[in-house]
């Protein structure tokens, strides 16, 4: 932080402490986006992250007079957010994906009923990430890499304390001593938890991150992959889709626990369900990965409605996994009813509930 920025922060802090709400807003707004992403990493849920962030800002406002300036405002806010998230983690079950929920479906397997309990990881829109985050030198992961689905799954395998310590050190870059103060523990406890967390995360993560994979593909190949994927779904073209995925590809659809592994099972699933519907698609970015927003057509109302966010995990130039995050209760209802459940998810991605700007799609075919 520059001297000028520090002076501005101190002035805002003094004004906020006298009850100036505008000064407080200016003080915290510069940190809001990165704190939101931090809460998401802790909790695995966009909705829970928003709740904890609001709790954090309320506690910060109420605790201004107790802030003695021994740390930066940023460090102080991270301490409040992390402790609030820790409380939430201890009250909630771990978040997971269908792949961790049970075995994959066999030949002819039907879809299980959706599980609407809050147990699933939720997608995170890249548009909500901070334009710039001041990572300290000790940080090992940049912000998009640290919200990738594989990274989020690895975090869910950690204890609450390990998760907090790992994120504060490896993603944000605070020192072990500073983390100990933030969490009200000892440096030794922080170091021990960090060692265990590093071992667990390194064991869980793939050899190559999605950021490295996408960088190797390049913008032209990325655009082509997304376009071919969307076009094939809209045409009902199973051959093209199967040609785009790896031999051991996985297709899952939280909150439906059923998932499919391998080209044969994925083809069978596609032909029985998605390719019998009519779709329109819009490219987006979620969890630092390629993604496609999917709109489903309702023939009775002659319009599309927000239904699914497909997050694509790439392995080289092939798709290794499709994680189709379904809008709650979007299927088996009219467009008007389903729109109410899909609009919240799509709104967070900056997308309309109905793709009014898109050309009419083509019906899928088995």
Protein backbone atom coordinates (compact mmCIF):
# COMPACT_ATOMS: atom_id res chain seq x y z
CA UNK A 1 0.00 0.00 0.00
CA UNK A 2 1.39 3.41 -0.96
CA UNK A 3 1.81 6.21 1.58
CA UNK A 4 -1.00 8.16 -0.10
CA UNK A 5 -3.33 5.14 0.00
CA UNK A 6 -2.50 4.54 3.67
CA UNK A 7 -3.29 8.15 4.49
CA UNK A 8 -6.61 7.90 2.64
CA UNK A 9 -7.46 4.69 4.49
CA UNK A 10 -6.65 6.28 7.85
CA UNK A 11 -8.84 9.29 7.06
CA UNK A 12 -11.73 7.03 6.05
CA UNK A 13 -11.25 4.93 9.16
CA UNK A 14 -11.42 7.96 11.43
CA UNK A 15 -14.52 9.26 9.67
CA UNK A 16 -16.22 5.86 9.77
CA UNK A 17 -15.50 5.56 13.49
CA UNK A 18 -17.57 8.73 14.05
CA UNK A 19 -20.57 7.10 12.33
CA UNK A 20 -19.96 8.22 8.74
CA UNK A 21 -21.60 5.40 6.74
CA UNK A 22 -20.31 6.69 3.40
CA UNK A 23 -16.75 6.65 4.72
CA UNK A 24 -17.24 3.07 5.93
CA UNK A 25 -18.59 2.02 2.54
CA UNK A 26 -15.58 3.55 0.80
CA UNK A 27 -13.28 1.87 3.31
CA UNK A 28 -14.60 -1.65 2.74
CA UNK A 29 -15.77 -1.53 -0.88
CA UNK A 30 -12.23 -1.87 -2.20
CA UNK A 31 -12.01 -5.23 -0.39
CA UNK A 32 -15.58 -6.46 -0.93
CA UNK A 33 -15.06 -8.60 -4.05
CA UNK A 34 -11.99 -10.43 -2.77
CA UNK A 35 -13.65 -11.03 0.61
CA UNK A 36 -16.68 -12.47 -1.19
CA UNK A 37 -14.47 -14.88 -3.12
CA UNK A 38 -12.68 -15.82 0.11
CA UNK A 39 -16.00 -16.65 1.78
CA UNK A 40 -16.95 -18.74 -1.26
CA UNK A 41 -13.70 -20.70 -1.03
CA UNK A 42 -14.35 -21.32 2.65
CA UNK A 43 -17.97 -22.41 2.17
CA UNK A 44 -18.32 -23.75 -1.38
CA UNK A 45 -21.60 -21.88 -1.75
CA UNK A 46 -22.30 -18.58 -3.46
CA UNK A 47 -25.40 -18.00 -1.33
CA UNK A 48 -23.61 -18.79 1.94
CA UNK A 49 -20.72 -16.56 0.90
CA UNK A 50 -23.10 -13.64 0.44
CA UNK A 51 -24.63 -14.22 3.87
CA UNK A 52 -21.24 -14.42 5.58
CA UNK A 53 -19.96 -11.34 3.75
CA UNK A 54 -22.95 -9.34 4.98
CA UNK A 55 -22.34 -10.63 8.50
CA UNK A 56 -18.68 -9.62 8.17
CA UNK A 57 -19.48 -6.06 7.12
CA UNK A 58 -22.02 -5.69 9.92
CA UNK A 59 -19.50 -6.91 12.51
CA UNK A 60 -16.85 -4.59 11.06
CA UNK A 61 -19.21 -1.60 11.30
CA UNK A 62 -20.11 -2.43 14.88
CA UNK A 63 -16.50 -3.10 15.83
CA UNK A 64 -14.87 -0.03 14.34
CA UNK A 65 -14.18 1.54 17.71
CA UNK A 66 -12.34 -1.58 18.78
CA UNK A 67 -10.01 -1.58 15.77
CA UNK A 68 -6.65 -0.38 17.12
CA UNK A 69 -4.76 -0.22 13.84
CA UNK A 70 -2.22 -2.90 14.76
CA UNK A 71 -2.88 -4.53 11.39
CA UNK A 72 -4.12 -3.25 8.06
CA UNK A 73 -7.85 -2.81 7.50
CA UNK A 74 -7.60 -5.57 4.91
CA UNK A 75 -6.10 -8.02 7.42
CA UNK A 76 -8.70 -7.02 10.01
CA UNK A 77 -11.55 -7.64 7.54
CA UNK A 78 -10.10 -11.01 6.55
CA UNK A 79 -9.97 -11.97 10.22
CA UNK A 80 -13.65 -11.12 10.71
CA UNK A 81 -14.69 -12.85 7.46
CA UNK A 82 -12.66 -16.00 8.15
CA UNK A 83 -13.97 -16.42 11.68
CA UNK A 84 -17.55 -15.86 10.51
CA UNK A 85 -16.99 -18.44 7.77
CA UNK A 86 -15.51 -20.88 10.28
CA UNK A 87 -18.65 -20.61 12.38
CA UNK A 88 -20.74 -21.28 9.28
CA UNK A 89 -18.60 -24.25 8.20
CA UNK A 90 -19.05 -25.88 11.60
CA UNK A 91 -22.84 -25.57 11.29
CA UNK A 92 -23.06 -26.97 7.77
CA UNK A 93 -22.25 -30.22 5.99
CA UNK A 94 -19.35 -30.23 3.55
CA UNK A 95 -20.15 -29.28 -0.03
CA UNK A 96 -19.51 -31.86 -2.72
CA UNK A 97 -20.25 -32.90 -6.29
CA UNK A 98 -22.24 -35.98 -7.37
CA UNK A 99 -18.99 -37.81 -8.15
CA UNK A 100 -18.25 -37.85 -4.40
CA UNK A 101 -21.85 -38.65 -3.46
CA UNK A 102 -22.09 -42.20 -4.81
CA UNK A 103 -21.07 -44.53 -7.67
CA UNK A 104 -21.62 -43.67 -11.32
CA UNK A 105 -24.73 -44.92 -13.15
CA UNK A 106 -24.57 -48.24 -14.94
CA UNK A 107 -26.09 -49.16 -18.33
CA UNK A 108 -29.69 -48.01 -18.61
CA UNK A 109 -29.51 -46.16 -15.31
CA UNK A 110 -32.30 -43.73 -14.53
CA UNK A 111 -31.90 -40.32 -12.99
CA UNK A 112 -32.36 -40.19 -9.24
CA UNK A 113 -34.54 -37.54 -7.65
CA UNK A 114 -32.80 -34.24 -7.04
CA UNK A 115 -31.38 -33.74 -3.55
CA UNK A 116 -32.18 -30.15 -2.58
CA UNK A 117 -30.43 -30.18 0.79
CA UNK A 118 -27.54 -27.67 0.84
CA UNK A 119 -24.82 -30.24 0.17
CA UNK A 120 -23.68 -29.34 -3.34
CA UNK A 121 -20.89 -27.10 -4.44
CA UNK A 122 -22.29 -24.07 -6.26
CA UNK A 123 -20.75 -22.39 -9.33
CA UNK A 124 -18.97 -19.07 -8.96
CA UNK A 125 -19.22 -16.43 -11.72
CA UNK A 126 -15.82 -15.14 -12.80
CA UNK A 127 -17.43 -11.73 -13.26
CA UNK A 128 -17.73 -11.43 -9.47
CA UNK A 129 -13.99 -11.75 -8.92
CA UNK A 130 -12.05 -8.64 -8.00
CA UNK A 131 -10.46 -6.88 -10.96
CA UNK A 132 -7.21 -6.93 -9.02
CA UNK A 133 -6.20 -8.65 -5.79
CA UNK A 134 -3.08 -7.64 -3.87
CA UNK A 135 -1.61 -11.10 -3.37
CA UNK A 136 1.31 -11.05 -0.98
CA UNK A 137 4.60 -12.71 -2.07
CA UNK A 138 3.89 -15.88 -0.08
CA UNK A 139 0.69 -16.64 -2.03
CA UNK A 140 1.00 -19.70 -4.28
CA UNK A 141 -2.34 -19.67 -6.09
CA UNK A 142 -3.91 -16.86 -8.09
CA UNK A 143 -7.59 -16.06 -7.73
CA UNK A 144 -9.01 -17.97 -10.72
CA UNK A 145 -6.93 -21.06 -10.02
CA UNK A 146 -8.18 -21.02 -6.44
CA UNK A 147 -11.85 -21.25 -7.42
CA UNK A 148 -11.48 -24.04 -9.99
CA UNK A 149 -13.80 -26.95 -9.26
CA UNK A 150 -10.94 -29.34 -8.48
CA UNK A 151 -9.48 -26.81 -6.06
CA UNK A 152 -12.85 -26.30 -4.39
CA UNK A 153 -13.33 -30.07 -4.02
CA UNK A 154 -9.86 -30.35 -2.48
CA UNK A 155 -10.70 -27.60 0.02
CA UNK A 156 -13.84 -29.43 1.10
CA UNK A 157 -11.66 -32.35 2.19
CA UNK A 158 -9.91 -30.18 4.79
CA UNK A 159 -10.99 -29.50 8.33
CA UNK A 160 -12.39 -26.03 8.96
CA UNK A 161 -9.15 -24.79 10.55
CA UNK A 162 -6.96 -26.32 7.85
CA UNK A 163 -9.10 -24.73 5.17
CA UNK A 164 -8.89 -21.29 6.76
CA UNK A 165 -5.13 -21.47 7.33
CA UNK A 166 -4.47 -22.81 3.84
CA UNK A 167 -6.47 -20.07 2.14
CA UNK A 168 -5.07 -17.24 4.24
CA UNK A 169 -1.52 -18.40 3.56
CA UNK A 170 -1.52 -19.98 0.10
CA UNK A 171 -4.13 -17.82 -1.66
CA UNK A 172 -4.01 -14.50 0.23
CA UNK A 173 -0.40 -14.70 1.40
CA UNK A 174 -0.60 -13.65 5.06
CA UNK A 175 2.26 -14.81 7.27
CA UNK A 176 1.81 -17.63 9.79
CA UNK A 177 2.18 -15.11 12.62
CA UNK A 178 -0.48 -12.83 11.19
CA UNK A 179 -2.85 -15.75 10.61
CA UNK A 180 -2.38 -16.83 14.23
CA UNK A 181 -3.52 -13.38 15.36
CA UNK A 182 -6.46 -13.41 12.94
CA UNK A 183 -7.68 -16.79 14.18
CA UNK A 184 -6.79 -16.38 17.85
CA UNK A 185 -4.38 -19.32 17.92
CA UNK A 186 -0.64 -19.95 17.99
CA UNK A 187 1.87 -19.79 15.16
CA UNK A 188 2.72 -23.41 15.87
CA UNK A 189 -0.91 -24.47 15.40
CA UNK A 190 -1.07 -22.52 12.15
CA UNK A 191 2.13 -24.12 10.84
CA UNK A 192 0.95 -27.61 11.76
CA UNK A 193 -2.48 -27.14 10.15
CA UNK A 194 -0.86 -25.66 7.06
CA UNK A 195 1.47 -28.63 6.60
CA UNK A 196 -1.42 -31.09 6.80
CA UNK A 197 -3.54 -28.98 4.46
CA UNK A 198 -0.77 -28.67 1.86
CA UNK A 199 -0.27 -32.43 1.81
CA UNK A 200 -3.98 -33.08 1.38
CA UNK A 201 -4.52 -30.47 -1.33
CA UNK A 202 -1.46 -31.45 -3.33
CA UNK A 203 -2.61 -35.07 -3.24
CA UNK A 204 -6.08 -34.12 -4.48
CA UNK A 205 -5.33 -31.61 -7.23
CA UNK A 206 -4.71 -32.67 -10.85
CA UNK A 207 -1.21 -32.23 -12.24
CA UNK A 208 -2.29 -29.30 -14.39
CA UNK A 209 -4.66 -26.51 -13.46
CA UNK A 210 -7.42 -25.30 -15.74
CA UNK A 211 -5.62 -21.95 -15.98
CA UNK A 212 -2.54 -23.64 -17.46
CA UNK A 213 -4.68 -25.79 -19.75
CA UNK A 214 -6.67 -22.83 -21.08
CA UNK A 215 -3.54 -20.77 -21.60
CA UNK A 216 -2.05 -23.58 -23.69
CA UNK A 217 -5.24 -23.86 -25.76
CA UNK A 218 -5.32 -20.17 -26.63
CA UNK A 219 -8.28 -17.88 -27.23
CA UNK A 220 -9.14 -19.15 -30.74
CA UNK A 221 -9.30 -22.80 -29.65
CA UNK A 222 -11.29 -21.87 -26.55
CA UNK A 223 -13.90 -20.01 -28.62
CA UNK A 224 -14.10 -22.91 -31.08
CA UNK A 225 -14.55 -25.48 -28.30
CA UNK A 226 -17.39 -23.56 -26.65
CA UNK A 227 -19.11 -22.88 -29.98
CA UNK A 228 -18.90 -26.50 -31.15
CA UNK A 229 -20.18 -27.73 -27.80
CA UNK A 230 -23.19 -25.38 -27.87
CA UNK A 231 -23.95 -26.06 -31.55
CA UNK A 232 -23.83 -29.82 -31.03
CA UNK A 233 -26.29 -29.64 -28.13
CA UNK A 234 -28.66 -27.45 -30.13
CA UNK A 235 -28.47 -29.79 -33.15
CA UNK A 236 -28.86 -32.92 -31.03
CA UNK A 237 -25.51 -34.11 -32.42
CA UNK A 238 -24.34 -36.91 -30.12
CA UNK A 239 -21.43 -37.91 -32.37
CA UNK A 240 -19.83 -34.47 -32.22
CA UNK A 241 -20.28 -34.23 -28.45
CA UNK A 242 -18.79 -37.68 -27.85
CA UNK A 243 -15.88 -36.79 -30.11
CA UNK A 244 -15.19 -33.74 -27.93
CA UNK A 245 -14.88 -35.61 -24.63
CA UNK A 246 -12.18 -37.86 -23.19
CA UNK A 247 -12.59 -41.62 -22.96
CA UNK A 248 -13.20 -41.42 -19.20
CA UNK A 249 -15.21 -38.18 -19.22
CA UNK A 250 -17.68 -37.48 -16.42
CA UNK A 251 -21.09 -35.81 -16.74
CA UNK A 252 -22.84 -34.75 -13.55
CA UNK A 253 -25.85 -32.55 -12.75
CA UNK A 254 -26.13 -31.28 -9.19
CA UNK A 255 -28.62 -31.33 -7.45
CA UNK A 256 -29.32 -34.67 -9.19
CA UNK A 257 -26.92 -37.18 -7.58
CA UNK A 258 -26.78 -39.41 -10.68
CA UNK A 259 -23.63 -39.08 -12.77
CA UNK A 260 -22.21 -40.83 -15.80
CA UNK A 261 -18.64 -41.89 -16.54
CA UNK A 262 -17.08 -42.86 -19.86
CA UNK A 263 -18.09 -42.18 -23.43
CA UNK A 264 -20.56 -45.06 -23.67
CA UNK A 265 -22.56 -44.08 -20.57
CA UNK A 266 -22.41 -40.36 -21.43
CA UNK A 267 -23.71 -41.03 -24.95
CA UNK A 268 -26.54 -43.12 -23.58
CA UNK A 269 -27.45 -40.31 -21.15
CA UNK A 270 -27.30 -37.60 -23.81
CA UNK A 271 -29.50 -39.48 -26.25
CA UNK A 272 -32.08 -40.34 -23.60
CA UNK A 273 -32.38 -36.87 -22.05
CA UNK A 274 -30.59 -33.63 -23.02
CA UNK A 275 -30.63 -34.17 -26.79
CA UNK A 276 -34.39 -34.71 -26.81
CA UNK A 277 -34.89 -31.10 -25.66
CA UNK A 278 -34.54 -27.79 -27.43
CA UNK A 279 -31.79 -25.46 -26.19
CA UNK A 280 -30.10 -22.12 -26.59
CA UNK A 281 -26.68 -21.34 -25.15
CA UNK A 282 -24.56 -18.39 -24.10
CA UNK A 283 -20.83 -18.67 -23.30
CA UNK A 284 -19.83 -17.57 -19.78
CA UNK A 285 -16.98 -18.20 -17.35
CA UNK A 286 -17.44 -19.99 -14.03
CA UNK A 287 -14.89 -21.11 -11.45
CA UNK A 288 -12.08 -19.92 -13.68
CA UNK A 289 -13.21 -22.43 -16.32
CA UNK A 290 -15.07 -22.53 -19.60
CA UNK A 291 -18.82 -22.57 -19.10
CA UNK A 292 -22.05 -22.35 -21.05
CA UNK A 293 -25.36 -20.99 -19.83
CA UNK A 294 -28.16 -23.24 -21.09
CA UNK A 295 -31.72 -22.10 -21.77
CA UNK A 296 -34.44 -24.73 -22.14
CA UNK A 297 -37.42 -24.28 -24.48
CA UNK A 298 -41.01 -24.55 -23.23
CA UNK A 299 -43.27 -25.36 -26.18
CA UNK A 300 -46.47 -24.50 -24.31
CA UNK A 301 -45.29 -20.95 -23.67
CA UNK A 302 -43.15 -20.68 -26.83
CA UNK A 303 -40.08 -19.34 -25.06
CA UNK A 304 -36.83 -20.30 -23.38
CA UNK A 305 -36.04 -20.11 -19.66
CA UNK A 306 -32.86 -20.20 -17.58
CA UNK A 307 -32.09 -23.81 -16.73
CA UNK A 308 -28.45 -24.92 -16.38
CA UNK A 309 -24.89 -23.63 -16.14
CA UNK A 310 -22.54 -26.20 -17.72
CA UNK A 311 -18.98 -25.87 -16.39
CA UNK A 312 -16.43 -27.58 -18.63
CA UNK A 313 -13.23 -29.11 -17.29
CA UNK A 314 -10.64 -29.44 -20.04
CA UNK A 315 -7.85 -32.01 -20.43
CA UNK A 316 -5.75 -30.79 -23.32
CA UNK A 317 -8.18 -30.02 -26.14
CA UNK A 318 -10.81 -32.50 -24.89
CA UNK A 319 -13.56 -32.08 -22.29
CA UNK A 320 -12.81 -34.26 -19.27
CA UNK A 321 -15.92 -33.32 -17.29
CA UNK A 322 -19.18 -31.45 -17.64
CA UNK A 323 -20.64 -30.26 -14.35
CA UNK A 324 -24.15 -29.10 -15.18
CA UNK A 325 -25.35 -26.94 -12.30
CA UNK A 326 -29.13 -27.04 -12.63
CA UNK A 327 -31.33 -24.20 -11.50
CA UNK A 328 -33.35 -25.54 -8.55
CA UNK A 329 -36.55 -27.25 -9.66
CA UNK A 330 -36.17 -25.90 -13.21
CA UNK A 331 -37.35 -29.11 -14.86
CA UNK A 332 -40.77 -30.62 -15.04
CA UNK A 333 -42.45 -27.20 -14.69
CA UNK A 334 -43.75 -24.54 -17.00
CA UNK A 335 -41.38 -21.82 -18.20
CA UNK A 336 -43.07 -19.28 -15.97
CA UNK A 337 -42.65 -21.44 -12.85
CA UNK A 338 -39.12 -22.58 -13.65
CA UNK A 339 -38.01 -19.06 -14.49
CA UNK A 340 -38.40 -18.10 -10.85
CA UNK A 341 -35.88 -20.74 -9.82
CA UNK A 342 -33.43 -20.09 -12.63
CA UNK A 343 -33.36 -16.32 -12.52
CA UNK A 344 -31.36 -16.10 -9.28
CA UNK A 345 -28.55 -18.32 -10.60
CA UNK A 346 -28.43 -16.65 -14.01
CA UNK A 347 -28.69 -13.17 -12.57
CA UNK A 348 -25.44 -13.73 -10.69
CA UNK A 349 -23.81 -14.51 -14.02
CA UNK A 350 -25.16 -11.25 -15.46
CA UNK A 351 -27.55 -13.17 -17.71
CA UNK A 352 -31.25 -12.55 -18.40
CA UNK A 353 -33.87 -15.08 -17.34
CA UNK A 354 -34.95 -15.39 -20.98
CA UNK A 355 -32.45 -15.15 -23.87
CA UNK A 356 -34.41 -12.49 -25.75
CA UNK A 357 -31.44 -11.54 -27.91
CA UNK A 358 -30.83 -15.02 -29.27
CA UNK A 359 -32.12 -16.51 -32.49
CA UNK A 360 -34.68 -19.33 -32.11
CA UNK A 361 -32.95 -22.63 -31.46
CA UNK A 362 -33.32 -25.94 -33.18
CA UNK A 363 -35.00 -28.92 -31.61
CA UNK A 364 -32.70 -31.64 -30.38
CA UNK A 365 -33.11 -35.17 -31.68
CA UNK A 366 -32.34 -38.58 -30.36
